[in-house]
């Protein structure tokens, strides 16, 4: 019976409210730090709007920021492997499309005067 199993002392039960589960969209992050903490501001920038609004601010210790960095690295590696696998399984009519191309931030920066 599952209910009779003792719980592991290292496990944490995480609660996620319905509102929080919806998430908040952010398309910019600004990171600042001091000797004792990292501050991550997640911002939504709307094209043409004169202001951008901070949607969430997370404050963490340098140790936890490093753990976040490692977790992001691991997840990005898995995501990129998944994309690579999807490309190799693509239909023959898309052969070679986007192969070996990684978008760089500079690719999206407007060139010349607007």
N, C-alpha and C. Protein backbone atom coordinates (compact mmCIF):
# COMPACT_ATOMS: atom_id res chain seq x y z
N UNK A 1 0.84 -1.19 0.00
CA UNK A 1 0.00 0.00 0.00
C UNK A 1 0.87 1.24 0.00
N UNK A 2 0.55 2.15 -0.88
CA UNK A 2 1.32 3.38 -1.01
C UNK A 2 1.24 4.25 0.25
N UNK A 3 0.09 4.32 0.86
CA UNK A 3 -0.10 5.23 1.99
C UNK A 3 0.68 4.84 3.24
N UNK A 4 1.13 3.59 3.32
CA UNK A 4 1.88 3.14 4.48
C UNK A 4 3.38 3.36 4.35
N UNK A 5 3.83 3.81 3.19
CA UNK A 5 5.26 4.05 3.00
C UNK A 5 5.72 5.25 3.82
N UNK A 6 6.84 5.12 4.52
CA UNK A 6 7.36 6.29 5.23
C UNK A 6 7.88 7.31 4.22
N UNK A 7 7.73 8.59 4.54
CA UNK A 7 8.22 9.63 3.64
C UNK A 7 9.70 9.83 3.86
N UNK A 8 10.39 10.12 2.78
CA UNK A 8 11.82 10.40 2.82
C UNK A 8 12.02 11.77 3.46
N UNK A 9 12.91 11.89 4.43
CA UNK A 9 13.13 13.16 5.11
C UNK A 9 13.69 14.23 4.19
N UNK A 10 14.29 13.84 3.04
CA UNK A 10 14.85 14.80 2.10
C UNK A 10 13.83 15.29 1.08
N UNK A 11 12.62 14.72 1.06
CA UNK A 11 11.60 15.14 0.11
C UNK A 11 10.85 16.36 0.62
N UNK A 12 10.53 17.24 -0.31
CA UNK A 12 9.75 18.43 0.01
C UNK A 12 8.50 18.40 -0.84
N UNK A 13 7.35 18.52 -0.23
CA UNK A 13 6.12 18.61 -0.98
C UNK A 13 5.93 20.06 -1.39
N UNK A 14 5.80 20.29 -2.70
CA UNK A 14 5.66 21.63 -3.23
C UNK A 14 4.21 21.86 -3.61
N UNK A 15 3.64 22.94 -3.11
CA UNK A 15 2.27 23.30 -3.46
C UNK A 15 2.30 24.38 -4.54
N UNK A 16 1.42 24.23 -5.50
CA UNK A 16 1.32 25.18 -6.61
C UNK A 16 -0.13 25.59 -6.75
N UNK A 17 -0.42 26.86 -6.42
CA UNK A 17 -1.80 27.34 -6.51
C UNK A 17 -2.21 27.44 -7.98
N UNK A 18 -3.50 27.45 -8.24
CA UNK A 18 -4.00 27.58 -9.62
C UNK A 18 -3.49 28.86 -10.27
N UNK A 19 -3.52 29.93 -9.51
CA UNK A 19 -3.07 31.22 -10.05
C UNK A 19 -1.58 31.18 -10.43
N UNK A 20 -0.76 30.61 -9.56
CA UNK A 20 0.67 30.53 -9.83
C UNK A 20 0.95 29.56 -10.98
N UNK A 21 0.15 28.52 -11.12
CA UNK A 21 0.33 27.53 -12.19
C UNK A 21 0.14 28.16 -13.56
N UNK A 22 -0.61 29.24 -13.65
CA UNK A 22 -0.82 29.93 -14.92
C UNK A 22 0.47 30.57 -15.43
N UNK A 23 1.35 30.92 -14.51
CA UNK A 23 2.62 31.53 -14.87
C UNK A 23 2.46 32.99 -15.31
N UNK A 24 3.58 33.64 -15.47
CA UNK A 24 3.62 35.03 -15.93
C UNK A 24 4.64 35.10 -17.04
N UNK A 25 4.26 35.70 -18.16
CA UNK A 25 5.16 35.80 -19.30
C UNK A 25 6.15 36.93 -19.08
N UNK A 26 7.42 36.65 -19.31
CA UNK A 26 8.48 37.66 -19.27
C UNK A 26 9.40 37.40 -20.46
N UNK A 27 9.85 38.47 -21.11
CA UNK A 27 10.75 38.30 -22.25
C UNK A 27 12.08 39.02 -22.05
N UNK A 28 12.35 39.39 -20.80
CA UNK A 28 13.63 40.02 -20.46
C UNK A 28 13.93 39.72 -18.99
N UNK A 29 15.18 39.43 -18.71
CA UNK A 29 15.61 39.25 -17.32
C UNK A 29 16.81 40.15 -17.07
N UNK A 30 16.80 40.81 -15.94
CA UNK A 30 17.93 41.64 -15.52
C UNK A 30 18.43 41.06 -14.21
N UNK A 31 19.74 40.84 -14.14
CA UNK A 31 20.33 40.19 -12.97
C UNK A 31 21.33 41.15 -12.32
N UNK A 32 21.21 41.31 -11.02
CA UNK A 32 22.15 42.11 -10.24
C UNK A 32 22.60 41.25 -9.06
N UNK A 33 23.74 41.62 -8.47
CA UNK A 33 24.19 40.85 -7.32
C UNK A 33 24.99 41.70 -6.36
N UNK A 34 25.04 41.22 -5.15
CA UNK A 34 25.88 41.77 -4.10
C UNK A 34 26.69 40.59 -3.56
N UNK A 35 27.55 40.80 -2.58
CA UNK A 35 28.30 39.66 -2.03
C UNK A 35 27.39 38.59 -1.42
N UNK A 36 26.18 38.95 -1.01
CA UNK A 36 25.34 37.99 -0.29
C UNK A 36 24.07 37.56 -1.02
N UNK A 37 23.76 38.16 -2.17
CA UNK A 37 22.53 37.77 -2.85
C UNK A 37 22.54 38.10 -4.34
N UNK A 38 21.74 37.35 -5.08
CA UNK A 38 21.49 37.61 -6.50
C UNK A 38 20.04 38.04 -6.63
N UNK A 39 19.80 39.05 -7.44
CA UNK A 39 18.46 39.56 -7.67
C UNK A 39 18.14 39.37 -9.14
N UNK A 40 17.07 38.63 -9.42
CA UNK A 40 16.64 38.40 -10.79
C UNK A 40 15.30 39.09 -11.00
N UNK A 41 15.27 40.07 -11.88
CA UNK A 41 14.03 40.75 -12.24
C UNK A 41 13.57 40.22 -13.59
N UNK A 42 12.34 39.71 -13.63
CA UNK A 42 11.75 39.21 -14.87
C UNK A 42 10.76 40.26 -15.35
N UNK A 43 10.94 40.70 -16.59
CA UNK A 43 10.26 41.87 -17.13
C UNK A 43 9.53 41.50 -18.40
N UNK A 44 8.38 42.12 -18.62
CA UNK A 44 7.67 42.00 -19.89
C UNK A 44 7.82 43.31 -20.65
N UNK A 45 8.48 43.21 -21.80
CA UNK A 45 8.67 44.37 -22.67
C UNK A 45 7.66 44.26 -23.80
N UNK A 46 6.86 45.31 -23.99
CA UNK A 46 5.88 45.35 -25.06
C UNK A 46 6.37 46.32 -26.12
N UNK A 47 6.50 45.86 -27.37
CA UNK A 47 6.98 46.76 -28.43
C UNK A 47 6.13 48.02 -28.53
N UNK A 48 6.81 49.16 -28.62
CA UNK A 48 6.12 50.44 -28.75
C UNK A 48 5.69 51.07 -27.45
N UNK A 49 5.74 50.33 -26.36
CA UNK A 49 5.35 50.89 -25.06
C UNK A 49 6.54 51.62 -24.46
N UNK A 50 6.31 52.79 -23.86
CA UNK A 50 7.43 53.56 -23.31
C UNK A 50 8.02 52.98 -22.03
N UNK A 51 7.30 52.09 -21.36
CA UNK A 51 7.79 51.50 -20.11
C UNK A 51 7.70 50.00 -20.18
N UNK A 52 8.57 49.35 -19.44
CA UNK A 52 8.51 47.90 -19.27
C UNK A 52 8.25 47.62 -17.80
N UNK A 53 7.48 46.60 -17.53
CA UNK A 53 7.06 46.33 -16.17
C UNK A 53 7.73 45.08 -15.62
N UNK A 54 8.28 45.21 -14.40
CA UNK A 54 8.83 44.04 -13.72
C UNK A 54 7.64 43.19 -13.28
N UNK A 55 7.63 41.93 -13.71
CA UNK A 55 6.53 41.03 -13.38
C UNK A 55 6.84 40.17 -12.17
N UNK A 56 8.12 39.93 -11.93
CA UNK A 56 8.51 39.12 -10.79
C UNK A 56 9.95 39.43 -10.41
N UNK A 57 10.22 39.43 -9.14
CA UNK A 57 11.59 39.61 -8.63
C UNK A 57 11.90 38.44 -7.71
N UNK A 58 13.01 37.79 -8.01
CA UNK A 58 13.45 36.65 -7.21
C UNK A 58 14.80 37.03 -6.59
N UNK A 59 14.92 36.84 -5.28
CA UNK A 59 16.16 37.13 -4.57
C UNK A 59 16.66 35.81 -4.00
N UNK A 60 17.92 35.48 -4.30
CA UNK A 60 18.47 34.21 -3.81
C UNK A 60 19.92 34.35 -3.42
N UNK A 61 20.39 33.38 -2.66
CA UNK A 61 21.79 33.38 -2.25
C UNK A 61 22.68 33.02 -3.45
N UNK A 62 23.96 33.39 -3.42
CA UNK A 62 24.86 33.00 -4.50
C UNK A 62 24.90 31.48 -4.71
N UNK A 63 24.84 30.71 -3.63
CA UNK A 63 24.85 29.25 -3.74
C UNK A 63 23.63 28.75 -4.50
N UNK A 64 22.46 29.28 -4.18
CA UNK A 64 21.25 28.88 -4.88
C UNK A 64 21.23 29.40 -6.31
N UNK A 65 21.82 30.56 -6.56
CA UNK A 65 21.92 31.08 -7.93
C UNK A 65 22.80 30.13 -8.76
N UNK A 66 23.86 29.61 -8.17
CA UNK A 66 24.72 28.66 -8.87
C UNK A 66 23.97 27.37 -9.17
N UNK A 67 23.16 26.92 -8.23
CA UNK A 67 22.34 25.72 -8.47
C UNK A 67 21.34 25.97 -9.61
N UNK A 68 20.76 27.16 -9.64
CA UNK A 68 19.84 27.52 -10.73
C UNK A 68 20.58 27.50 -12.06
N UNK A 69 21.77 28.06 -12.07
CA UNK A 69 22.61 28.07 -13.28
C UNK A 69 22.86 26.65 -13.79
N UNK A 70 23.22 25.74 -12.89
CA UNK A 70 23.48 24.35 -13.28
C UNK A 70 22.20 23.68 -13.78
N UNK A 71 21.09 23.94 -13.13
CA UNK A 71 19.81 23.35 -13.54
C UNK A 71 19.39 23.87 -14.92
N UNK A 72 19.59 25.16 -15.17
CA UNK A 72 19.27 25.73 -16.48
C UNK A 72 20.18 25.13 -17.56
N UNK A 73 21.45 25.00 -17.25
CA UNK A 73 22.40 24.39 -18.18
C UNK A 73 21.96 22.98 -18.56
N UNK A 74 21.60 22.19 -17.56
CA UNK A 74 21.18 20.81 -17.78
C UNK A 74 19.91 20.77 -18.63
N UNK A 75 18.94 21.61 -18.30
CA UNK A 75 17.68 21.62 -19.05
C UNK A 75 17.87 22.12 -20.47
N UNK A 76 18.73 23.11 -20.68
CA UNK A 76 19.00 23.58 -22.04
C UNK A 76 19.68 22.50 -22.87
N UNK A 77 20.59 21.77 -22.26
CA UNK A 77 21.27 20.67 -22.94
C UNK A 77 20.24 19.61 -23.38
N UNK A 78 19.31 19.27 -22.49
CA UNK A 78 18.27 18.29 -22.82
C UNK A 78 17.34 18.83 -23.91
N UNK A 79 16.98 20.09 -23.82
CA UNK A 79 16.10 20.73 -24.82
C UNK A 79 16.76 20.72 -26.19
N UNK A 80 18.04 21.09 -26.25
CA UNK A 80 18.76 21.12 -27.53
C UNK A 80 18.92 19.72 -28.12
N UNK A 81 19.11 18.71 -27.27
CA UNK A 81 19.19 17.32 -27.74
C UNK A 81 17.85 16.89 -28.31
N UNK A 82 16.77 17.30 -27.66
CA UNK A 82 15.43 16.98 -28.14
C UNK A 82 15.19 17.63 -29.51
N UNK A 83 15.62 18.88 -29.67
CA UNK A 83 15.47 19.57 -30.96
C UNK A 83 16.30 18.88 -32.03
N UNK A 84 17.49 18.49 -31.69
CA UNK A 84 18.36 17.81 -32.65
C UNK A 84 17.72 16.49 -33.09
N UNK A 85 17.14 15.77 -32.16
CA UNK A 85 16.46 14.52 -32.50
C UNK A 85 15.24 14.78 -33.37
N UNK A 86 14.52 15.86 -33.11
CA UNK A 86 13.34 16.20 -33.91
C UNK A 86 13.76 16.57 -35.33
N UNK A 87 14.89 17.25 -35.48
CA UNK A 87 15.36 17.63 -36.82
C UNK A 87 15.75 16.41 -37.64
N UNK A 88 16.37 15.43 -37.01
CA UNK A 88 16.79 14.24 -37.75
C UNK A 88 15.58 13.39 -38.12
N UNK A 89 14.48 13.55 -37.40
CA UNK A 89 13.26 12.79 -37.71
C UNK A 89 12.32 13.58 -38.61
N UNK A 90 12.73 14.78 -39.08
CA UNK A 90 11.88 15.62 -39.92
C UNK A 90 11.64 14.96 -41.28
N UNK A 91 10.47 15.25 -41.90
CA UNK A 91 10.18 14.70 -43.22
C UNK A 91 11.21 15.12 -44.26
N UNK A 92 11.36 14.34 -45.31
CA UNK A 92 12.37 14.57 -46.34
C UNK A 92 12.20 15.90 -47.05
N UNK A 93 10.97 16.45 -47.14
CA UNK A 93 10.77 17.72 -47.85
C UNK A 93 11.36 18.91 -47.10
N UNK A 94 11.72 18.74 -45.84
CA UNK A 94 12.38 19.80 -45.06
C UNK A 94 13.87 19.52 -44.92
N UNK A 95 14.38 18.66 -45.75
CA UNK A 95 15.77 18.22 -45.64
C UNK A 95 16.74 19.40 -45.62
N UNK A 96 17.56 19.43 -44.59
CA UNK A 96 18.60 20.45 -44.51
C UNK A 96 18.11 21.79 -44.00
N UNK A 97 16.81 21.97 -43.79
CA UNK A 97 16.29 23.27 -43.35
C UNK A 97 16.77 23.58 -41.94
N UNK A 98 17.49 24.66 -41.77
CA UNK A 98 17.95 25.11 -40.46
C UNK A 98 19.04 24.25 -39.87
N UNK A 99 19.59 23.35 -40.65
CA UNK A 99 20.59 22.43 -40.13
C UNK A 99 21.85 23.17 -39.67
N UNK A 100 22.25 22.92 -38.43
CA UNK A 100 23.48 23.50 -37.92
C UNK A 100 23.40 24.99 -37.64
N UNK A 101 22.22 25.60 -37.73
CA UNK A 101 22.08 27.04 -37.54
C UNK A 101 21.54 27.31 -36.15
N UNK A 102 22.22 28.13 -35.42
CA UNK A 102 21.76 28.58 -34.13
C UNK A 102 21.54 30.07 -34.22
N UNK A 103 20.35 30.53 -33.81
CA UNK A 103 20.06 31.96 -33.86
C UNK A 103 20.86 32.67 -32.77
N UNK A 104 21.44 33.78 -33.12
CA UNK A 104 22.16 34.62 -32.17
C UNK A 104 21.35 35.86 -31.89
N UNK A 105 21.55 36.45 -30.72
CA UNK A 105 20.83 37.66 -30.36
C UNK A 105 21.02 38.73 -31.45
N UNK A 106 22.23 38.82 -32.01
CA UNK A 106 22.54 39.82 -33.03
C UNK A 106 21.66 39.64 -34.26
N UNK A 107 21.18 38.43 -34.52
CA UNK A 107 20.32 38.18 -35.68
C UNK A 107 19.00 38.96 -35.59
N UNK A 108 18.61 39.34 -34.38
CA UNK A 108 17.32 39.99 -34.16
C UNK A 108 17.43 41.48 -33.88
N UNK A 109 18.65 41.99 -33.84
CA UNK A 109 18.87 43.42 -33.60
C UNK A 109 18.71 44.15 -34.92
N UNK A 110 17.84 45.20 -34.97
CA UNK A 110 17.68 45.95 -36.22
C UNK A 110 18.99 46.56 -36.67
N UNK A 111 19.24 46.51 -37.96
CA UNK A 111 20.46 47.07 -38.52
C UNK A 111 20.13 48.41 -39.21
N UNK A 112 21.01 49.37 -39.03
CA UNK A 112 20.81 50.68 -39.65
C UNK A 112 19.81 51.51 -38.89
N UNK A 113 19.44 52.67 -39.47
CA UNK A 113 18.48 53.56 -38.82
C UNK A 113 17.07 53.09 -39.08
N UNK A 114 16.23 53.22 -38.07
CA UNK A 114 14.83 52.80 -38.20
C UNK A 114 14.00 53.91 -38.78
